[in-house]
Amino acid sequence: MSVADEITHELEDLHADETSPGMAAVALDLAKAIDVSDAPTAKAVAARELRSIMSDLRKLAPVGEKGDTVDDIAQQREKRRAAARERAASGD
C-alpha cells in the first residue's frame, strides 16, 4: 500500500473530514507527495510535516472512536486469554 492509501484510511478512522477538513486535505497531499517523490530530502521534509499534521488530527479526533489505545490493549489481552484457554482445554 502507498503512504496516501494508509493516510486515507487513518483520516477516515479519525473522522478528519468532519473535524478538520483543511488539515485532512493537506495531510493527504503530503502523503501523495511522499509517494511520488524520488528525492530523499523532499520525502523527509514532507514526512516531518505529515507527522506533525497527523499528530494534531489525532488530538482533534472524537473521543471513544475505534483505535483507542486502551481498547487495543484490552482486545490483545482477550485474544491471549482465549488462546490460553484453548491450549489448556486441548491439553486435558
PDB file of N, CA and C in Angstrom:
ATOM      1  N   MET A   1       0.837  -1.188   0.000  1.00  0.00           N
ATOM      2  CA  MET A   1       0.000   0.000   0.000  1.00  0.00           C
ATOM      3  C   MET A   1       0.878   1.247   0.000  1.00  0.00           C
ATOM      4  N   SER A   2       0.341   2.276  -0.550  1.00  0.00           N
ATOM      5  CA  SER A   2       1.072   3.532  -0.594  1.00  0.00           C
ATOM      6  C   SER A   2       0.841   4.326   0.692  1.00  0.00           C
ATOM      7  N   VAL A   3       1.669   5.319   0.896  1.00  0.00           N
ATOM      8  CA  VAL A   3       1.509   6.203   2.049  1.00  0.00           C
ATOM      9  C   VAL A   3       0.148   6.891   1.968  1.00  0.00           C
ATOM     10  N   ALA A   4      -0.233   7.338   0.783  1.00  0.00           N
ATOM     11  CA  ALA A   4      -1.517   8.017   0.613  1.00  0.00           C
ATOM     12  C   ALA A   4      -2.678   7.099   0.987  1.00  0.00           C
ATOM     13  N   ASP A   5      -2.597   5.821   0.625  1.00  0.00           N
ATOM     14  CA  ASP A   5      -3.653   4.869   0.986  1.00  0.00           C
ATOM     15  C   ASP A   5      -3.763   4.713   2.501  1.00  0.00           C
ATOM     16  N   GLU A   6      -2.616   4.574   3.143  1.00  0.00           N
ATOM     17  CA  GLU A   6      -2.607   4.407   4.601  1.00  0.00           C
ATOM     18  C   GLU A   6      -3.152   5.648   5.302  1.00  0.00           C
ATOM     19  N   ILE A   7      -2.741   6.811   4.840  1.00  0.00           N
ATOM     20  CA  ILE A   7      -3.207   8.061   5.439  1.00  0.00           C
ATOM     21  C   ILE A   7      -4.710   8.227   5.203  1.00  0.00           C
ATOM     22  N   THR A   8      -5.179   7.855   4.026  1.00  0.00           N
ATOM     23  CA  THR A   8      -6.609   7.936   3.728  1.00  0.00           C
ATOM     24  C   THR A   8      -7.411   7.103   4.727  1.00  0.00           C
ATOM     25  N   HIS A   9      -6.950   5.884   5.003  1.00  0.00           N
ATOM     26  CA  HIS A   9      -7.639   5.017   5.960  1.00  0.00           C
ATOM     27  C   HIS A   9      -7.632   5.620   7.362  1.00  0.00           C
ATOM     28  N   GLU A  10      -6.491   6.156   7.749  1.00  0.00           N
ATOM     29  CA  GLU A  10      -6.420   6.745   9.089  1.00  0.00           C
ATOM     30  C   GLU A  10      -7.289   7.994   9.191  1.00  0.00           C
ATOM     31  N   LEU A  11      -7.303   8.816   8.140  1.00  0.00           N
ATOM     32  CA  LEU A  11      -8.147  10.007   8.146  1.00  0.00           C
ATOM     33  C   LEU A  11      -9.618   9.626   8.281  1.00  0.00           C
ATOM     34  N   GLU A  12     -10.014   8.543   7.621  1.00  0.00           N
ATOM     35  CA  GLU A  12     -11.398   8.063   7.743  1.00  0.00           C
ATOM     36  C   GLU A  12     -11.690   7.625   9.171  1.00  0.00           C
ATOM     37  N   ASP A  13     -10.765   6.878   9.777  1.00  0.00           N
ATOM     38  CA  ASP A  13     -10.948   6.413  11.154  1.00  0.00           C
ATOM     39  C   ASP A  13     -11.039   7.582  12.135  1.00  0.00           C
ATOM     40  N   LEU A  14     -10.304   8.643  11.850  1.00  0.00           N
ATOM     41  CA  LEU A  14     -10.275   9.813  12.729  1.00  0.00           C
ATOM     42  C   LEU A  14     -11.430  10.778  12.467  1.00  0.00           C
ATOM     43  N   HIS A  15     -12.208  10.516  11.420  1.00  0.00           N
ATOM     44  CA  HIS A  15     -13.283  11.428  11.014  1.00  0.00           C
ATOM     45  C   HIS A  15     -12.730  12.834  10.772  1.00  0.00           C
ATOM     46  N   ALA A  16     -11.541  12.889  10.178  1.00  0.00           N
ATOM     47  CA  ALA A  16     -10.837  14.150   9.984  1.00  0.00           C
ATOM     48  C   ALA A  16     -11.567  15.099   9.041  1.00  0.00           C
ATOM     49  N   ASP A  17     -12.315  14.565   8.070  1.00  0.00           N
ATOM     50  CA  ASP A  17     -13.062  15.435   7.169  1.00  0.00           C
ATOM     51  C   ASP A  17     -14.141  16.210   7.908  1.00  0.00           C
ATOM     52  N   GLU A  18     -14.606  15.663   9.028  1.00  0.00           N
ATOM     53  CA  GLU A  18     -15.619  16.336   9.830  1.00  0.00           C
ATOM     54  C   GLU A  18     -15.003  17.324  10.808  1.00  0.00           C
ATOM     55  N   THR A  19     -13.894  16.937  11.431  1.00  0.00           N
ATOM     56  CA  THR A  19     -13.305  17.775  12.471  1.00  0.00           C
ATOM     57  C   THR A  19     -12.372  18.844  11.930  1.00  0.00           C
ATOM     58  N   SER A  20     -11.654  18.540  10.860  1.00  0.00           N
ATOM     59  CA  SER A  20     -10.688  19.488  10.311  1.00  0.00           C
ATOM     60  C   SER A  20     -10.412  19.166   8.845  1.00  0.00           C
ATOM     61  N   PRO A  21     -11.339  19.515   7.963  1.00  0.00           N
ATOM     62  CA  PRO A  21     -11.200  19.132   6.557  1.00  0.00           C
ATOM     63  C   PRO A  21      -9.974  19.731   5.864  1.00  0.00           C
ATOM     64  N   GLY A  22      -9.601  20.929   6.233  1.00  0.00           N
ATOM     65  CA  GLY A  22      -8.426  21.545   5.608  1.00  0.00           C
ATOM     66  C   GLY A  22      -7.144  20.813   5.946  1.00  0.00           C
ATOM     67  N   MET A  23      -6.978  20.503   7.223  1.00  0.00           N
ATOM     68  CA  MET A  23      -5.785  19.761   7.638  1.00  0.00           C
ATOM     69  C   MET A  23      -5.769  18.376   7.026  1.00  0.00           C
ATOM     70  N   ALA A  24      -6.939  17.759   6.907  1.00  0.00           N
ATOM     71  CA  ALA A  24      -7.022  16.425   6.305  1.00  0.00           C
ATOM     72  C   ALA A  24      -6.580  16.475   4.847  1.00  0.00           C
ATOM     73  N   ALA A  25      -6.998  17.518   4.138  1.00  0.00           N
ATOM     74  CA  ALA A  25      -6.613  17.663   2.726  1.00  0.00           C
ATOM     75  C   ALA A  25      -5.107  17.867   2.591  1.00  0.00           C
ATOM     76  N   VAL A  26      -4.529  18.666   3.470  1.00  0.00           N
ATOM     77  CA  VAL A  26      -3.078  18.893   3.427  1.00  0.00           C
ATOM     78  C   VAL A  26      -2.340  17.600   3.740  1.00  0.00           C
ATOM     79  N   ALA A  27      -2.822  16.853   4.715  1.00  0.00           N
ATOM     80  CA  ALA A  27      -2.184  15.576   5.065  1.00  0.00           C
ATOM     81  C   ALA A  27      -2.186  14.625   3.868  1.00  0.00           C
ATOM     82  N   LEU A  28      -3.301  14.554   3.178  1.00  0.00           N
ATOM     83  CA  LEU A  28      -3.383  13.669   2.018  1.00  0.00           C
ATOM     84  C   LEU A  28      -2.458  14.137   0.897  1.00  0.00           C
ATOM     85  N   ASP A  29      -2.381  15.446   0.681  1.00  0.00           N
ATOM     86  CA  ASP A  29      -1.455  15.985  -0.327  1.00  0.00           C
ATOM     87  C   ASP A  29      -0.008  15.661   0.016  1.00  0.00           C
ATOM     88  N   LEU A  30       0.350  15.784   1.294  1.00  0.00           N
ATOM     89  CA  LEU A  30       1.719  15.451   1.715  1.00  0.00           C
ATOM     90  C   LEU A  30       2.002  13.963   1.509  1.00  0.00           C
ATOM     91  N   ALA A  31       1.039  13.123   1.829  1.00  0.00           N
ATOM     92  CA  ALA A  31       1.216  11.679   1.638  1.00  0.00           C
ATOM     93  C   ALA A  31       1.425  11.350   0.167  1.00  0.00           C
ATOM     94  N   LYS A  32       0.656  11.993  -0.698  1.00  0.00           N
ATOM     95  CA  LYS A  32       0.817  11.774  -2.139  1.00  0.00           C
ATOM     96  C   LYS A  32       2.189  12.257  -2.604  1.00  0.00           C
ATOM     97  N   ALA A  33       2.668  13.375  -2.054  1.00  0.00           N
ATOM     98  CA  ALA A  33       3.984  13.897  -2.419  1.00  0.00           C
ATOM     99  C   ALA A  33       5.083  12.917  -2.017  1.00  0.00           C
ATOM    100  N   ILE A  34       4.919  12.277  -0.869  1.00  0.00           N
ATOM    101  CA  ILE A  34       5.900  11.272  -0.434  1.00  0.00           C
ATOM    102  C   ILE A  34       5.914  10.099  -1.402  1.00  0.00           C
ATOM    103  N   ASP A  35       4.745   9.686  -1.846  1.00  0.00           N
ATOM    104  CA  ASP A  35       4.649   8.549  -2.764  1.00  0.00           C
ATOM    105  C   ASP A  35       5.322   8.804  -4.108  1.00  0.00           C
ATOM    106  N   VAL A  36       5.232  10.020  -4.621  1.00  0.00           N
ATOM    107  CA  VAL A  36       5.742  10.278  -5.974  1.00  0.00           C
ATOM    108  C   VAL A  36       7.161  10.825  -6.003  1.00  0.00           C
ATOM    109  N   SER A  37       7.659  11.270  -4.869  1.00  0.00           N
ATOM    110  CA  SER A  37       8.992  11.880  -4.844  1.00  0.00           C
ATOM    111  C   SER A  37      10.100  10.829  -4.866  1.00  0.00           C
ATOM    112  N   ASP A  38      11.163  11.153  -5.605  1.00  0.00           N
ATOM    113  CA  ASP A  38      12.351  10.309  -5.613  1.00  0.00           C
ATOM    114  C   ASP A  38      13.488  10.938  -4.807  1.00  0.00           C
ATOM    115  N   ALA A  39      13.285  12.180  -4.360  1.00  0.00           N
ATOM    116  CA  ALA A  39      14.319  12.909  -3.632  1.00  0.00           C
ATOM    117  C   ALA A  39      14.194  12.626  -2.133  1.00  0.00           C
ATOM    118  N   PRO A  40      15.208  12.010  -1.537  1.00  0.00           N
ATOM    119  CA  PRO A  40      15.147  11.682  -0.114  1.00  0.00           C
ATOM    120  C   PRO A  40      14.905  12.898   0.781  1.00  0.00           C
ATOM    121  N   THR A  41      15.516  14.024   0.446  1.00  0.00           N
ATOM    122  CA  THR A  41      15.337  15.221   1.269  1.00  0.00           C
ATOM    123  C   THR A  41      13.895  15.708   1.201  1.00  0.00           C
ATOM    124  N   ALA A  42      13.312  15.705   0.018  1.00  0.00           N
ATOM    125  CA  ALA A  42      11.918  16.130  -0.138  1.00  0.00           C
ATOM    126  C   ALA A  42      10.984  15.195   0.611  1.00  0.00           C
ATOM    127  N   LYS A  43      11.263  13.894   0.551  1.00  0.00           N
ATOM    128  CA  LYS A  43      10.445  12.925   1.289  1.00  0.00           C
ATOM    129  C   LYS A  43      10.546  13.167   2.790  1.00  0.00           C
ATOM    130  N   ALA A  44      11.745  13.441   3.258  1.00  0.00           N
ATOM    131  CA  ALA A  44      11.945  13.667   4.693  1.00  0.00           C
ATOM    132  C   ALA A  44      11.193  14.908   5.172  1.00  0.00           C
ATOM    133  N   VAL A  45      11.235  15.967   4.391  1.00  0.00           N
ATOM    134  CA  VAL A  45      10.528  17.195   4.756  1.00  0.00           C
ATOM    135  C   VAL A  45       9.021  16.949   4.772  1.00  0.00           C
ATOM    136  N   ALA A  46       8.519  16.304   3.730  1.00  0.00           N
ATOM    137  CA  ALA A  46       7.084  16.009   3.655  1.00  0.00           C
ATOM    138  C   ALA A  46       6.661  15.089   4.794  1.00  0.00           C
ATOM    139  N   ALA A  47       7.487  14.091   5.104  1.00  0.00           N
ATOM    140  CA  ALA A  47       7.165  13.154   6.184  1.00  0.00           C
ATOM    141  C   ALA A  47       7.120  13.864   7.533  1.00  0.00           C
ATOM    142  N   ARG A  48       8.044  14.785   7.765  1.00  0.00           N
ATOM    143  CA  ARG A  48       8.063  15.523   9.027  1.00  0.00           C
ATOM    144  C   ARG A  48       6.788  16.361   9.176  1.00  0.00           C
ATOM    145  N   GLU A  49       6.399  17.029   8.105  1.00  0.00           N
ATOM    146  CA  GLU A  49       5.183  17.842   8.137  1.00  0.00           C
ATOM    147  C   GLU A  49       3.945  16.957   8.282  1.00  0.00           C
ATOM    148  N   LEU A  50       3.935  15.836   7.597  1.00  0.00           N
ATOM    149  CA  LEU A  50       2.804  14.911   7.681  1.00  0.00           C
ATOM    150  C   LEU A  50       2.662  14.372   9.108  1.00  0.00           C
ATOM    151  N   ARG A  51       3.776  14.016   9.711  1.00  0.00           N
ATOM    152  CA  ARG A  51       3.753  13.513  11.090  1.00  0.00           C
ATOM    153  C   ARG A  51       3.158  14.559  12.034  1.00  0.00           C
ATOM    154  N   SER A  52       3.535  15.816  11.844  1.00  0.00           N
ATOM    155  CA  SER A  52       3.026  16.899  12.683  1.00  0.00           C
ATOM    156  C   SER A  52       1.517  17.089  12.499  1.00  0.00           C
ATOM    157  N   ILE A  53       1.073  17.110  11.266  1.00  0.00           N
ATOM    158  CA  ILE A  53      -0.360  17.298  10.992  1.00  0.00           C
ATOM    159  C   ILE A  53      -1.168  16.120  11.508  1.00  0.00           C
ATOM    160  N   MET A  54      -0.674  14.903  11.302  1.00  0.00           N
ATOM    161  CA  MET A  54      -1.406  13.724  11.768  1.00  0.00           C
ATOM    162  C   MET A  54      -1.491  13.710  13.295  1.00  0.00           C
ATOM    163  N   SER A  55      -0.449  14.164  13.957  1.00  0.00           N
ATOM    164  CA  SER A  55      -0.474  14.253  15.413  1.00  0.00           C
ATOM    165  C   SER A  55      -1.583  15.204  15.857  1.00  0.00           C
ATOM    166  N   ASP A  56      -1.681  16.339  15.196  1.00  0.00           N
ATOM    167  CA  ASP A  56      -2.736  17.306  15.524  1.00  0.00           C
ATOM    168  C   ASP A  56      -4.117  16.719  15.244  1.00  0.00           C
ATOM    169  N   LEU A  57      -4.254  16.025  14.116  1.00  0.00           N
ATOM    170  CA  LEU A  57      -5.548  15.436  13.769  1.00  0.00           C
ATOM    171  C   LEU A  57      -5.956  14.354  14.764  1.00  0.00           C
ATOM    172  N   ARG A  58      -4.993  13.595  15.251  1.00  0.00           N
ATOM    173  CA  ARG A  58      -5.306  12.567  16.251  1.00  0.00           C
ATOM    174  C   ARG A  58      -5.828  13.200  17.537  1.00  0.00           C
ATOM    175  N   LYS A  59      -5.250  14.337  17.897  1.00  0.00           N
ATOM    176  CA  LYS A  59      -5.705  15.046  19.097  1.00  0.00           C
ATOM    177  C   LYS A  59      -7.112  15.601  18.919  1.00  0.00           C
ATOM    178  N   LEU A  60      -7.472  15.950  17.695  1.00  0.00           N
ATOM    179  CA  LEU A  60      -8.786  16.525  17.418  1.00  0.00           C
ATOM    180  C   LEU A  60      -9.867  15.472  17.189  1.00  0.00           C
ATOM    181  N   ALA A  61      -9.473  14.216  17.075  1.00  0.00           N
ATOM    182  CA  ALA A  61     -10.428  13.138  16.786  1.00  0.00           C
ATOM    183  C   ALA A  61     -11.432  13.009  17.928  1.00  0.00           C
ATOM    184  N   PRO A  62     -12.661  12.653  17.584  1.00  0.00           N
ATOM    185  CA  PRO A  62     -13.675  12.445  18.625  1.00  0.00           C
ATOM    186  C   PRO A  62     -13.237  11.364  19.607  1.00  0.00           C
ATOM    187  N   VAL A  63     -13.508  11.579  20.874  1.00  0.00           N
ATOM    188  CA  VAL A  63     -13.131  10.637  21.928  1.00  0.00           C
ATOM    189  C   VAL A  63     -13.960   9.367  21.793  1.00  0.00           C
ATOM    190  N   GLY A  64     -13.310   8.245  22.049  1.00  0.00           N
ATOM    191  CA  GLY A  64     -14.019   6.975  22.051  1.00  0.00           C
ATOM    192  C   GLY A  64     -14.140   6.337  20.689  1.00  0.00           C
ATOM    193  N   GLU A  65     -13.439   6.840  19.711  1.00  0.00           N
ATOM    194  CA  GLU A  65     -13.515   6.245  18.378  1.00  0.00           C
ATOM    195  C   GLU A  65     -12.681   4.977  18.334  1.00  0.00           C
ATOM    196  N   LYS A  66     -12.927   4.174  17.319  1.00  0.00           N
ATOM    197  CA  LYS A  66     -12.173   2.948  17.108  1.00  0.00           C
ATOM    198  C   LYS A  66     -10.687   3.279  17.061  1.00  0.00           C
ATOM    199  N   GLY A  67      -9.891   2.398  17.643  1.00  0.00           N
ATOM    200  CA  GLY A  67      -8.456   2.605  17.607  1.00  0.00           C
ATOM    201  C   GLY A  67      -7.907   3.166  18.901  1.00  0.00           C
ATOM    202  N   ASP A  68      -8.764   3.348  19.900  1.00  0.00           N
ATOM    203  CA  ASP A  68      -8.324   3.829  21.190  1.00  0.00           C
ATOM    204  C   ASP A  68      -7.306   2.845  21.758  1.00  0.00           C
ATOM    205  N   THR A  69      -6.222   3.343  22.288  1.00  0.00           N
ATOM    206  CA  THR A  69      -5.131   2.503  22.772  1.00  0.00           C
ATOM    207  C   THR A  69      -5.591   1.551  23.870  1.00  0.00           C
ATOM    208  N   VAL A  70      -6.409   2.040  24.776  1.00  0.00           N
ATOM    209  CA  VAL A  70      -6.894   1.186  25.859  1.00  0.00           C
ATOM    210  C   VAL A  70      -7.716   0.035  25.299  1.00  0.00           C
ATOM    211  N   ASP A  71      -8.566   0.323  24.303  1.00  0.00           N
ATOM    212  CA  ASP A  71      -9.357  -0.730  23.674  1.00  0.00           C
ATOM    213  C   ASP A  71      -8.462  -1.742  22.972  1.00  0.00           C
ATOM    214  N   ASP A  72      -7.411  -1.262  22.310  1.00  0.00           N
ATOM    215  CA  ASP A  72      -6.479  -2.164  21.623  1.00  0.00           C
ATOM    216  C   ASP A  72      -5.806  -3.103  22.608  1.00  0.00           C
ATOM    217  N   ILE A  73      -5.389  -2.580  23.735  1.00  0.00           N
ATOM    218  CA  ILE A  73      -4.732  -3.405  24.762  1.00  0.00           C
ATOM    219  C   ILE A  73      -5.717  -4.436  25.300  1.00  0.00           C
ATOM    220  N   ALA A  74      -6.953  -4.023  25.554  1.00  0.00           N
ATOM    221  CA  ALA A  74      -7.962  -4.958  26.060  1.00  0.00           C
ATOM    222  C   ALA A  74      -8.232  -6.070  25.053  1.00  0.00           C
ATOM    223  N   GLN A  75      -8.300  -5.728  23.761  1.00  0.00           N
ATOM    224  CA  GLN A  75      -8.522  -6.744  22.733  1.00  0.00           C
ATOM    225  C   GLN A  75      -7.368  -7.733  22.675  1.00  0.00           C
ATOM    226  N   GLN A  76      -6.135  -7.225  22.766  1.00  0.00           N
ATOM    227  CA  GLN A  76      -4.972  -8.107  22.731  1.00  0.00           C
ATOM    228  C   GLN A  76      -4.965  -9.036  23.940  1.00  0.00           C
ATOM    229  N   ARG A  77      -5.318  -8.506  25.095  1.00  0.00           N
ATOM    230  CA  ARG A  77      -5.357  -9.321  26.315  1.00  0.00           C
ATOM    231  C   ARG A  77      -6.400 -10.426  26.175  1.00  0.00           C
ATOM    232  N   GLU A  78      -7.568 -10.078  25.644  1.00  0.00           N
ATOM    233  CA  GLU A  78      -8.629 -11.077  25.477  1.00  0.00           C
ATOM    234  C   GLU A  78      -8.200 -12.167  24.489  1.00  0.00           C
ATOM    235  N   LYS A  79      -7.501 -11.788  23.431  1.00  0.00           N
ATOM    236  CA  LYS A  79      -7.006 -12.784  22.470  1.00  0.00           C
ATOM    237  C   LYS A  79      -6.020 -13.738  23.138  1.00  0.00           C
ATOM    238  N   ARG A  80      -5.135 -13.198  23.966  1.00  0.00           N
ATOM    239  CA  ARG A  80      -4.160 -14.049  24.664  1.00  0.00           C
ATOM    240  C   ARG A  80      -4.863 -14.992  25.626  1.00  0.00           C
ATOM    241  N   ARG A  81      -5.864 -14.474  26.342  1.00  0.00           N
ATOM    242  CA  ARG A  81      -6.600 -15.319  27.284  1.00  0.00           C
ATOM    243  C   ARG A  81      -7.356 -16.429  26.556  1.00  0.00           C
ATOM    244  N   ALA A  82      -7.974 -16.099  25.436  1.00  0.00           N
ATOM    245  CA  ALA A  82      -8.698 -17.103  24.663  1.00  0.00           C
ATOM    246  C   ALA A  82      -7.750 -18.180  24.164  1.00  0.00           C
ATOM    247  N   ALA A  83      -6.587 -17.763  23.692  1.00  0.00           N
ATOM    248  CA  ALA A  83      -5.589 -18.730  23.217  1.00  0.00           C
ATOM    249  C   ALA A  83      -5.113 -19.622  24.362  1.00  0.00           C
ATOM    250  N   ALA A  84      -4.924 -19.041  25.547  1.00  0.00           N
ATOM    251  CA  ALA A  84      -4.504 -19.833  26.709  1.00  0.00           C
ATOM    252  C   ALA A  84      -5.585 -20.831  27.107  1.00  0.00           C
ATOM    253  N   ARG A  85      -6.862 -20.403  27.053  1.00  0.00           N
ATOM    254  CA  ARG A  85      -7.953 -21.324  27.376  1.00  0.00           C
ATOM    255  C   ARG A  85      -8.001 -22.480  26.385  1.00  0.00           C
ATOM    256  N   GLU A  86      -7.786 -22.203  25.111  1.00  0.00           N
ATOM    257  CA  GLU A  86      -7.798 -23.244  24.093  1.00  0.00           C
ATOM    258  C   GLU A  86      -6.663 -24.234  24.330  1.00  0.00           C
ATOM    259  N   ARG A  87      -5.477 -23.705  24.629  1.00  0.00           N
ATOM    260  CA  ARG A  87      -4.346 -24.593  24.905  1.00  0.00           C
ATOM    261  C   ARG A  87      -4.626 -25.471  26.128  1.00  0.00           C
ATOM    262  N   ALA A  88      -5.194 -24.869  27.162  1.00  0.00           N
ATOM    263  CA  ALA A  88      -5.489 -25.628  28.383  1.00  0.00           C
ATOM    264  C   ALA A  88      -6.560 -26.696  28.110  1.00  0.00           C
ATOM    265  N   ALA A  89      -7.550 -26.356  27.315  1.00  0.00           N
ATOM    266  CA  ALA A  89      -8.617 -27.314  27.017  1.00  0.00           C
ATOM    267  C   ALA A  89      -8.115 -28.462  26.158  1.00  0.00           C
ATOM    268  N   SER A  90      -7.227 -28.183  25.231  1.00  0.00           N
ATOM    269  CA  SER A  90      -6.726 -29.255  24.351  1.00  0.00           C
ATOM    270  C   SER A  90      -5.691 -30.125  25.057  1.00  0.00           C
ATOM    271  N   GLY A  91      -5.097 -29.620  26.121  1.00  0.00           N
ATOM    272  CA  GLY A  91      -4.089 -30.388  26.862  1.00  0.00           C
ATOM    273  C   GLY A  91      -4.695 -31.364  27.855  1.00  0.00           C
ATOM    274  N   ASP A  92      -5.985 -31.224  28.157  1.00  0.00           N
ATOM    275  CA  ASP A  92      -6.626 -32.123  29.142  1.00  0.00           C
ATOM    276  C   ASP A  92      -7.016 -33.434  28.566  1.00  0.00           C
TER     277      ASP A  92
END
